[in-house]
Amino acid sequence: MSQKILNKENEKMEKLLDESGAPPVISAKPGEVLDGAVVFKGKNKLLLDISGSAIGIISGRELRDSFHTFQDLSVGTEVTAMVLEEENDEGMIVMSLRRVSQQKAWAQFYKLIDEEGTMSFVPQEANKGGLLANMDGIRTFLPVSQLSPVNYPRVTDKSEIMNRLGKFIGQEFFVKIIMMDEEAGKIVVSEREAMSEHRAKSLEGLKAGDEREGAVSGIVNFGIFVTFDGLEGLVHISEIAWGHVKNPSEFVRVGDKVKVKVIGMEGEKLSLSIKQLTKDPWEAVAERYPVGKRVQGTVTRLTDYGAFVKLENEINGLVHLSEITHAKIADASDVLKIGQKIDVQVINIEPDERRIGLSIKALLPIDKKMLEEMKKEEEASKSSKKKSETAKDSDDSKGSSGFVASKTGKKYYPADSAAGKRIKEENRVEFASEKEAEKAGYAA
């Protein structure tokens, strides 16, 4: 049969098909996107009618996409899917909702970058570097450094970071894309950048002296981090309380609500204070603790030089080692212990320096035996001092007395001069005075 006759036959067949209203033949190619109507929806399978001439099948993970398309489908609903295989063993076209959604996702990501918009991010796993999610096969990463101040895990123990990040799995974040690589199928997002505009607005209306209520976001050795209005500031350990603060964690816990005062601003770096919201207890301390007053306190700390005694909240005084007993002691712990309640007398006060000098021995009587011991200690101290002074005078005398000359030389020198010290012992001649040296024939 000639080609001309074949072409005529084909034309006749196409005409007959058109007249009969039969659906067009679908030639599906991998990567092609086709529309279809849902004819069956199972728990893990979806069948689509493709233009009435073919059936498409979507199953397994290819049903799941970030737009939750499968959940919203029902029989009769039109949906778009991507071809994975032209035909399976059952003669159906293998398709995917996930792959077509990936295309939509990339398009959406590019749009978000152009518009500087934000998107939802729900982490599925965590590692030491940050939080991760798989969005239609696109690896999405939120680094720890890009978390907002509210969520940043401020911990001193690095092993605790994983515990803190693990609590964010499944939690929704609003983020901004800061880096994208379509070829590698990866994007990097930032919660901090997404909140930058909000932080900028919060900073515009903030000034030193303002008071705010916030939440404790982290506790470190040198202070407390507090967040409010999308901002984060540091309450230094010296600004937690008016008294001595040894450990910030003794005052607050992460999540606690606290009131703070802004005391310094440098860009987004905020310095905060808790203690400045209360009256300085030292303002009237001189009136309450005049010199000579007898008061009661509790021993809170022992040192090499004495004991600190708490008189009231945030007011502590020092009992120097020499003011504990009339007898001489080497260690405060020989007489006192932490937590012990004692009576003391105020012997010195310096409100500006926040110092109160206290004495225990000023309240103790001196009996005859104690007086004798004190006299002996005083005499021993004087004797020791006298010996020390005598030894010093002797050393000074030795160091500065006399003159020396070399047996083979013609000049004499002061004994403690550089030239005098260079003369060897076996060749040295010593003189008590310059006259004596000159009388021996030496010149200066």
Protein backbone atom coordinates (compact mmCIF):
# COMPACT_ATOMS: atom_id res chain seq x y z
CA MET A 1 0.00 0.00 0.00
CA SER A 2 1.41 3.40 -1.01
CA GLN A 3 2.10 6.26 1.52
CA LYS A 4 -0.54 8.34 -0.17
CA ILE A 5 -3.21 5.69 0.46
CA LEU A 6 -2.05 5.36 4.17
CA ASN A 7 -2.37 9.10 4.77
CA LYS A 8 -5.88 9.05 3.37
CA GLU A 9 -6.81 6.14 5.66
CA ASN A 10 -5.45 8.01 8.72
CA GLU A 11 -7.40 11.10 7.80
CA LYS A 12 -10.55 9.00 7.58
CA MET A 13 -9.87 7.46 11.02
CA GLU A 14 -9.31 10.87 12.65
CA LYS A 15 -12.51 12.16 11.03
CA LEU A 16 -14.50 9.16 12.30
CA LEU A 17 -13.06 9.64 15.83
CA ASP A 18 -13.95 13.33 15.81
CA GLU A 19 -17.48 12.57 14.64
CA SER A 20 -17.90 9.89 17.31
CA GLY A 21 -16.85 12.27 20.13
CA ALA A 22 -14.19 9.87 21.47
CA PRO A 23 -11.63 11.42 23.93
CA PRO A 24 -8.16 12.27 22.60
CA VAL A 25 -5.36 9.79 23.13
CA ILE A 26 -3.04 10.89 26.00
CA SER A 27 0.70 10.53 25.47
CA ALA A 28 2.12 11.10 28.99
CA LYS A 29 5.82 11.85 29.42
CA PRO A 30 7.75 11.93 32.74
CA GLY A 31 7.94 15.48 34.10
CA GLU A 32 4.80 16.55 32.25
CA VAL A 33 2.04 18.21 34.32
CA LEU A 34 -1.54 17.04 33.65
CA ASP A 35 -4.97 17.86 35.07
CA GLY A 36 -7.41 15.15 36.14
CA ALA A 37 -10.59 14.52 38.12
CA VAL A 38 -10.61 12.36 41.24
CA VAL A 39 -12.53 9.13 40.65
CA PHE A 40 -11.32 7.28 43.77
CA LYS A 41 -9.80 8.39 47.09
CA GLY A 42 -8.43 5.78 49.47
CA LYS A 43 -6.36 6.01 52.64
CA ASN A 44 -3.12 5.87 50.72
CA LYS A 45 -4.16 6.00 47.05
CA LEU A 46 -5.75 8.37 44.58
CA LEU A 47 -7.09 7.60 41.06
CA LEU A 48 -7.55 10.35 38.48
CA ASP A 49 -9.50 10.41 35.21
CA ILE A 50 -7.20 12.07 32.67
CA SER A 51 -9.41 13.56 29.91
CA GLY A 52 -11.53 10.39 29.84
CA SER A 53 -8.83 8.42 28.01
CA ALA A 54 -6.42 7.37 30.78
CA ILE A 55 -6.29 6.70 34.51
CA GLY A 56 -3.58 8.23 36.70
CA ILE A 57 -2.53 6.75 40.03
CA ILE A 58 -0.92 8.60 42.97
CA SER A 59 0.14 6.69 46.08
CA GLY A 60 2.48 6.65 49.08
CA ARG A 61 4.64 9.68 49.79
CA GLU A 62 3.73 11.19 46.41
CA LEU A 63 0.34 12.08 47.95
CA ARG A 64 1.87 14.31 50.65
CA ASP A 65 2.80 17.90 49.91
CA SER A 66 3.27 21.05 51.96
CA PHE A 67 -0.05 22.43 50.70
CA HIS A 68 -2.00 19.46 52.19
CA THR A 69 -3.67 18.96 48.81
CA PHE A 70 -4.64 15.31 49.43
CA GLN A 71 -6.61 16.15 52.58
CA ASP A 72 -8.80 18.63 50.71
CA LEU A 73 -9.61 16.35 47.75
CA SER A 74 -12.86 14.48 47.18
CA VAL A 75 -14.36 12.47 44.27
CA GLY A 76 -15.02 14.80 41.34
CA THR A 77 -12.42 17.42 42.37
CA GLU A 78 -10.05 18.61 39.66
CA VAL A 79 -6.35 18.42 40.58
CA THR A 80 -2.96 18.94 38.91
CA ALA A 81 -0.24 16.26 39.15
CA MET A 82 3.13 15.47 37.58
CA VAL A 83 3.83 12.35 35.49
CA LEU A 84 6.51 10.04 36.97
CA GLU A 85 6.03 7.00 34.69
CA GLU A 86 4.16 6.68 31.38
CA GLU A 87 2.49 3.44 32.41
CA ASN A 88 2.70 0.87 35.22
CA ASP A 89 1.94 -2.87 35.05
CA GLU A 90 -1.77 -2.11 35.31
CA GLY A 91 -1.73 0.34 32.43
CA MET A 92 -2.12 3.44 34.60
CA ILE A 93 -0.05 6.61 34.50
CA VAL A 94 2.07 6.96 37.69
CA MET A 95 1.76 10.53 38.99
CA SER A 96 2.73 12.76 41.93
CA LEU A 97 1.13 15.59 43.88
CA ARG A 98 4.39 16.18 45.80
CA ARG A 99 6.48 16.86 42.69
CA VAL A 100 4.06 19.36 41.21
CA SER A 101 3.79 21.02 44.61
CA GLN A 102 7.59 21.29 44.66
CA GLN A 103 7.38 23.36 41.47
CA LYS A 104 4.71 25.51 43.10
CA ALA A 105 6.88 25.80 46.22
CA TRP A 106 9.92 27.06 44.30
CA ALA A 107 7.71 29.58 42.50
CA GLN A 108 6.31 30.68 45.83
CA PHE A 109 9.81 30.95 47.36
CA TYR A 110 11.01 33.20 44.52
CA LYS A 111 7.92 35.35 44.98
CA LEU A 112 8.57 35.64 48.73
CA ILE A 113 12.16 36.74 48.08
CA ASP A 114 11.01 39.37 45.56
CA GLU A 115 8.35 40.68 47.95
CA GLU A 116 10.52 40.20 51.10
CA GLY A 117 7.64 38.24 52.59
CA THR A 118 7.49 35.64 55.34
CA MET A 119 6.29 32.04 55.37
CA SER A 120 5.36 29.30 57.83
CA PHE A 121 8.04 26.81 58.90
CA VAL A 122 7.34 23.72 61.04
CA PRO A 123 10.55 21.87 62.00
CA GLN A 124 10.56 18.08 61.74
CA GLU A 125 13.98 17.46 63.30
CA ALA A 126 16.79 19.23 65.16
CA ASN A 127 20.56 19.08 65.33
CA LYS A 128 23.19 21.16 67.15
CA GLY A 129 23.21 23.64 64.29
CA GLY A 130 19.48 24.33 64.20
CA LEU A 131 16.06 23.12 63.02
CA LEU A 132 15.20 21.30 59.77
CA ALA A 133 12.11 20.53 57.69
CA ASN A 134 11.44 18.82 54.35
CA MET A 135 9.02 20.86 52.26
CA ASP A 136 8.06 18.82 49.17
CA GLY A 137 11.59 17.43 49.02
CA ILE A 138 13.16 20.87 49.57
CA ARG A 139 15.52 20.80 52.54
CA THR A 140 14.74 23.83 54.71
CA PHE A 141 17.14 24.87 57.50
CA LEU A 142 16.69 27.37 60.33
CA PRO A 143 20.10 27.90 62.04
CA VAL A 144 20.28 28.48 65.80
CA SER A 145 21.83 31.89 65.15
CA GLN A 146 18.76 32.90 63.15
CA LEU A 147 16.22 32.19 65.88
CA SER A 148 14.54 35.24 67.38
CA PRO A 149 15.75 36.46 70.80
CA VAL A 150 12.64 34.92 72.37
CA ASN A 151 13.53 31.43 71.13
CA TYR A 152 17.36 31.60 71.13
CA PRO A 153 18.62 28.86 73.53
CA ARG A 154 20.82 30.85 75.93
CA VAL A 155 22.45 28.08 77.93
CA THR A 156 25.92 27.72 79.47
CA ASP A 157 25.92 23.93 79.00
CA LYS A 158 26.19 23.15 75.25
CA SER A 159 24.64 19.71 75.77
CA GLU A 160 21.45 21.50 76.83
CA ILE A 161 21.09 23.13 73.39
CA MET A 162 19.72 19.91 71.83
CA ASN A 163 17.12 19.59 74.59
CA ARG A 164 15.96 23.15 74.01
CA LEU A 165 15.85 22.78 70.21
CA GLY A 166 14.05 19.44 70.47
CA LYS A 167 11.12 21.19 72.14
CA PHE A 168 10.60 23.28 68.98
CA ILE A 169 9.86 20.25 66.75
CA GLY A 170 6.28 20.58 65.46
CA GLN A 171 6.04 24.22 66.55
CA GLU A 172 5.14 26.78 63.87
CA PHE A 173 7.61 29.58 63.13
CA PHE A 174 7.24 32.52 60.77
CA VAL A 175 10.47 32.97 58.83
CA LYS A 176 12.10 34.82 55.95
CA ILE A 177 14.24 33.15 53.26
CA ILE A 178 17.86 34.38 53.47
CA MET A 179 19.51 31.89 51.07
CA MET A 180 18.18 29.58 48.34
CA ASP A 181 19.79 26.96 46.06
CA GLU A 182 17.24 25.36 43.72
CA GLU A 183 19.84 23.14 42.08
CA ALA A 184 20.81 21.61 45.44
CA GLY A 185 17.20 21.65 46.65
CA LYS A 186 17.99 23.66 49.80
CA ILE A 187 16.91 26.90 51.43
CA VAL A 188 18.02 28.66 54.63
CA VAL A 189 15.49 30.69 56.60
CA SER A 190 15.60 33.18 59.48
CA GLU A 191 13.09 33.89 62.21
CA ARG A 192 15.25 36.80 63.35
CA GLU A 193 15.03 38.49 59.93
CA ALA A 194 11.29 37.90 59.78
CA MET A 195 10.94 39.87 63.01
CA SER A 196 13.45 42.62 62.11
CA GLU A 197 10.77 45.10 61.08
CA HIS A 198 8.85 44.47 64.30
CA ARG A 199 12.07 44.90 66.32
CA ALA A 200 12.85 48.15 64.52
CA LYS A 201 9.41 49.54 65.43
CA SER A 202 9.88 48.43 69.05
CA LEU A 203 13.28 50.16 69.21
CA GLU A 204 11.85 53.40 67.76
CA GLY A 205 9.61 53.84 70.77
CA LEU A 206 12.17 52.78 73.37
CA LYS A 207 14.55 54.98 75.39
CA ALA A 208 16.74 54.77 78.48
CA GLY A 209 14.65 55.00 81.61
CA ASP A 210 11.66 53.13 80.16
CA GLU A 211 10.20 50.26 82.16
CA ARG A 212 8.94 47.06 80.57
CA GLU A 213 7.61 43.66 81.58
CA GLY A 214 9.33 40.72 79.90
CA ALA A 215 10.19 37.05 80.20
CA VAL A 216 13.49 35.50 81.24
CA SER A 217 14.92 33.89 78.09
CA GLY A 218 18.29 32.78 79.45
CA ILE A 219 20.43 32.61 82.57
CA VAL A 220 24.23 32.77 82.39
CA ASN A 221 27.03 33.27 84.91
CA PHE A 222 27.23 37.00 84.24
CA GLY A 223 23.51 37.81 84.27
CA ILE A 224 19.99 37.29 82.95
CA PHE A 225 18.59 37.73 79.42
CA VAL A 226 15.07 39.17 79.23
CA THR A 227 12.85 39.47 76.11
CA PHE A 228 9.99 41.90 75.46
CA ASP A 229 8.33 43.30 72.31
CA GLY A 230 10.56 41.11 70.11
CA LEU A 231 13.70 42.57 71.72
CA GLU A 232 16.21 41.03 74.11
CA GLY A 233 18.39 42.72 76.72
CA LEU A 234 20.86 41.75 79.42
CA VAL A 235 20.44 42.31 83.13
CA HIS A 236 24.06 42.17 84.27
CA ILE A 237 24.69 40.31 87.53
CA SER A 238 25.46 43.66 89.19
CA GLU A 239 21.99 44.95 88.20
CA ILE A 240 19.93 42.04 89.53
CA ALA A 241 19.81 43.15 93.17
CA TRP A 242 21.31 45.82 95.43
CA GLY A 243 23.10 43.21 97.51
CA HIS A 244 25.78 40.69 96.52
CA VAL A 245 24.60 38.23 93.83
CA LYS A 246 26.66 35.08 93.55
CA ASN A 247 24.42 33.03 91.24
CA PRO A 248 21.72 34.61 88.98
CA SER A 249 19.78 31.31 88.89
CA GLU A 250 18.99 31.77 92.59
CA PHE A 251 16.82 34.76 91.68
CA VAL A 252 14.88 33.68 88.56
CA ARG A 253 14.10 30.76 86.26
CA VAL A 254 13.74 30.69 82.45
CA GLY A 255 10.19 31.72 81.56
CA ASP A 256 9.64 33.85 84.67
CA LYS A 257 7.91 37.19 84.13
CA VAL A 258 10.03 40.12 85.37
CA LYS A 259 9.90 43.90 85.29
CA VAL A 260 13.00 45.67 83.99
CA LYS A 261 14.28 49.19 83.45
CA VAL A 262 16.21 50.16 80.30
CA ILE A 263 19.51 51.71 81.44
CA GLY A 264 21.48 51.62 78.18
CA MET A 265 21.00 51.26 74.40
CA GLU A 266 23.56 50.55 71.67
CA GLY A 267 21.78 49.58 68.45
CA GLU A 268 19.80 46.45 69.31
CA LYS A 269 22.00 45.81 72.34
CA LEU A 270 20.01 46.67 75.47
CA SER A 271 21.27 46.98 79.03
CA LEU A 272 18.57 46.36 81.62
CA SER A 273 18.20 46.57 85.39
CA ILE A 274 15.91 44.93 87.90
CA LYS A 275 17.34 46.48 91.05
CA GLN A 276 16.83 50.05 89.86
CA LEU A 277 13.06 49.55 90.03
CA THR A 278 13.37 49.40 93.82
CA LYS A 279 14.74 51.93 96.30
CA ASP A 280 18.42 51.62 97.12
CA PRO A 281 18.46 50.20 100.66
CA TRP A 282 21.80 51.95 101.29
CA GLU A 283 20.27 55.42 100.98
CA ALA A 284 19.17 55.48 104.64
CA VAL A 285 21.57 52.86 106.00
CA ALA A 286 23.68 55.43 107.92
CA GLU A 287 20.60 56.42 109.90
CA ARG A 288 19.64 52.84 110.71
CA TYR A 289 23.16 51.67 111.55
CA PRO A 290 25.04 54.46 113.36
CA VAL A 291 28.54 53.74 114.71
CA GLY A 292 28.29 52.13 118.16
CA LYS A 293 24.88 50.50 117.54
CA ARG A 294 24.45 46.88 118.59
CA VAL A 295 22.62 44.74 115.99
CA GLN A 296 21.96 41.08 115.22
CA GLY A 297 22.85 39.38 111.93
CA THR A 298 23.47 36.05 110.21
CA VAL A 299 26.86 34.83 108.99
CA THR A 300 26.57 34.35 105.21
CA ARG A 301 30.16 33.99 104.03
CA LEU A 302 33.59 33.21 105.50
CA THR A 303 36.82 34.47 103.91
CA ASP A 304 40.55 34.58 104.70
CA TYR A 305 40.13 38.07 106.11
CA GLY A 306 36.91 37.68 108.11
CA ALA A 307 33.17 37.00 107.94
CA PHE A 308 30.29 38.65 106.09
CA VAL A 309 27.14 39.15 108.16
CA LYS A 310 23.67 39.78 106.71
CA LEU A 311 21.90 42.53 108.67
CA GLU A 312 18.83 42.77 106.41
CA ASN A 313 17.92 42.09 102.76
CA GLU A 314 20.78 43.30 100.56
CA ILE A 315 22.66 44.87 103.51
CA ASN A 316 25.78 43.01 104.60
CA GLY A 317 28.64 44.00 106.87
CA LEU A 318 32.16 42.67 107.39
CA VAL A 319 33.62 41.45 110.66
CA HIS A 320 37.37 41.57 110.06
CA LEU A 321 39.45 38.69 111.40
CA SER A 322 40.92 41.01 114.03
CA GLU A 323 37.41 41.97 115.23
CA ILE A 324 36.10 38.46 115.90
CA THR A 325 37.74 37.79 119.29
CA HIS A 326 40.19 39.49 121.63
CA ALA A 327 42.57 36.57 121.14
CA LYS A 328 44.46 36.32 117.88
CA ILE A 329 42.96 33.74 115.42
CA ALA A 330 44.13 32.56 112.00
CA ASP A 331 40.80 31.43 110.54
CA ALA A 332 37.26 32.80 110.98
CA SER A 333 35.86 29.25 110.73
CA ASP A 334 37.58 28.43 114.05
CA VAL A 335 34.93 30.58 115.77
CA LEU A 336 32.05 31.10 113.32
CA LYS A 337 29.98 29.03 110.89
CA ILE A 338 27.68 29.93 108.01
CA GLY A 339 24.07 30.41 109.11
CA GLN A 340 25.04 31.29 112.69
CA LYS A 341 23.15 34.22 114.25
CA ILE A 342 25.45 36.64 116.10
CA ASP A 343 25.40 40.00 117.87
CA VAL A 344 27.75 42.65 116.45
CA GLN A 345 28.55 46.29 116.95
CA VAL A 346 28.82 48.82 114.13
CA ILE A 347 32.34 50.28 114.21
CA ASN A 348 32.55 51.91 110.78
CA ILE A 349 30.17 52.85 107.95
CA GLU A 350 30.82 54.08 104.39
CA PRO A 351 27.45 54.30 102.53
CA ASP A 352 29.03 55.51 99.25
CA GLU A 353 31.32 52.47 99.22
CA ARG A 354 28.50 50.23 100.52
CA ARG A 355 30.59 49.08 103.45
CA ILE A 356 29.75 48.50 107.10
CA GLY A 357 32.48 47.50 109.51
CA LEU A 358 31.32 45.26 112.35
CA SER A 359 32.89 43.89 115.50
CA ILE A 360 32.08 40.93 117.71
CA LYS A 361 34.89 41.45 120.21
CA ALA A 362 33.69 45.00 120.99
CA LEU A 363 30.72 43.38 122.74
CA LEU A 364 32.80 40.78 124.60
CA PRO A 365 34.05 41.41 128.16
CA ILE A 366 37.79 41.30 128.93
CA ASP A 367 38.56 39.22 132.03
CA LYS A 368 41.90 39.09 133.89
CA LYS A 369 43.11 36.01 131.99
CA MET A 370 42.23 37.55 128.66
CA LEU A 371 43.98 40.80 129.62
CA GLU A 372 47.19 38.94 130.46
CA GLU A 373 47.07 37.08 127.14
CA MET A 374 46.54 40.36 125.31
CA LYS A 375 49.52 41.92 127.09
CA LYS A 376 51.72 38.95 126.19
CA GLU A 377 50.63 39.18 122.53
CA GLU A 378 51.35 42.92 122.54
CA GLU A 379 54.81 42.44 124.09
CA ALA A 380 55.59 39.64 121.63
CA SER A 381 54.49 41.85 118.79
CA LYS A 382 56.67 44.76 120.02
CA SER A 383 59.68 42.46 120.47
CA SER A 384 59.26 41.04 116.99
CA LYS A 385 58.94 44.53 115.53
CA LYS A 386 62.09 45.71 117.38
CA LYS A 387 64.10 42.74 116.10
CA SER A 388 62.91 43.39 112.58
CA GLU A 389 63.94 47.06 112.79
CA THR A 390 67.38 46.12 114.26
CA ALA A 391 67.96 43.63 111.46
CA LYS A 392 67.00 46.25 108.90
CA ASP A 393 69.37 48.82 110.43
CA SER A 394 72.14 46.21 110.40
CA ASP A 395 71.49 45.41 106.73
CA ASP A 396 71.46 49.10 105.86
CA SER A 397 74.71 49.61 107.76
CA LYS A 398 76.39 46.77 105.92
CA GLY A 399 75.17 47.87 102.60
CA SER A 400 76.34 51.51 102.86
CA SER A 401 79.48 51.47 105.13
CA GLY A 402 83.18 51.74 104.08
CA PHE A 403 85.28 51.92 100.99
CA VAL A 404 87.30 49.36 99.04
CA ALA A 405 90.31 49.34 96.77
CA SER A 406 92.26 46.78 94.78
CA LYS A 407 95.67 45.76 96.09
CA THR A 408 97.06 46.36 92.59
CA GLY A 409 95.05 49.52 91.94
CA LYS A 410 95.42 53.22 92.71
CA LYS A 411 91.79 54.25 93.35
CA TYR A 412 89.28 53.55 96.12
CA TYR A 413 85.48 53.22 95.69
CA PRO A 414 82.38 53.07 97.92
CA ALA A 415 81.90 49.45 98.99
CA ASP A 416 78.37 49.25 97.57
CA SER A 417 79.21 50.88 94.21
CA ALA A 418 79.34 48.92 90.96
CA ALA A 419 83.13 49.36 90.72
CA GLY A 420 83.62 48.35 94.36
CA LYS A 421 81.58 45.18 93.90
CA ARG A 422 83.69 44.13 90.91
CA ILE A 423 86.86 43.86 93.03
CA LYS A 424 87.50 40.21 93.92
CA GLU A 425 87.55 39.22 97.57
CA GLU A 426 91.16 37.98 97.57
CA ASN A 427 92.38 41.24 96.01
CA ARG A 428 90.21 43.61 98.07
CA VAL A 429 91.41 46.16 100.69
CA GLU A 430 88.70 47.64 102.96
CA PHE A 431 88.69 51.06 104.67
CA ALA A 432 86.31 52.52 107.24
CA SER A 433 86.58 56.05 105.80
CA GLU A 434 87.89 58.06 102.89
CA LYS A 435 90.69 59.48 105.06
CA GLU A 436 91.85 55.97 105.87
CA ALA A 437 91.93 55.08 102.15
CA GLU A 438 93.81 58.25 101.21
CA LYS A 439 96.26 57.70 104.07
CA ALA A 440 96.99 54.26 102.53
CA GLY A 441 97.94 55.99 99.24
CA TYR A 442 94.69 55.56 97.25
CA ALA A 443 92.95 58.38 95.41
CA ALA A 444 89.24 58.91 94.80
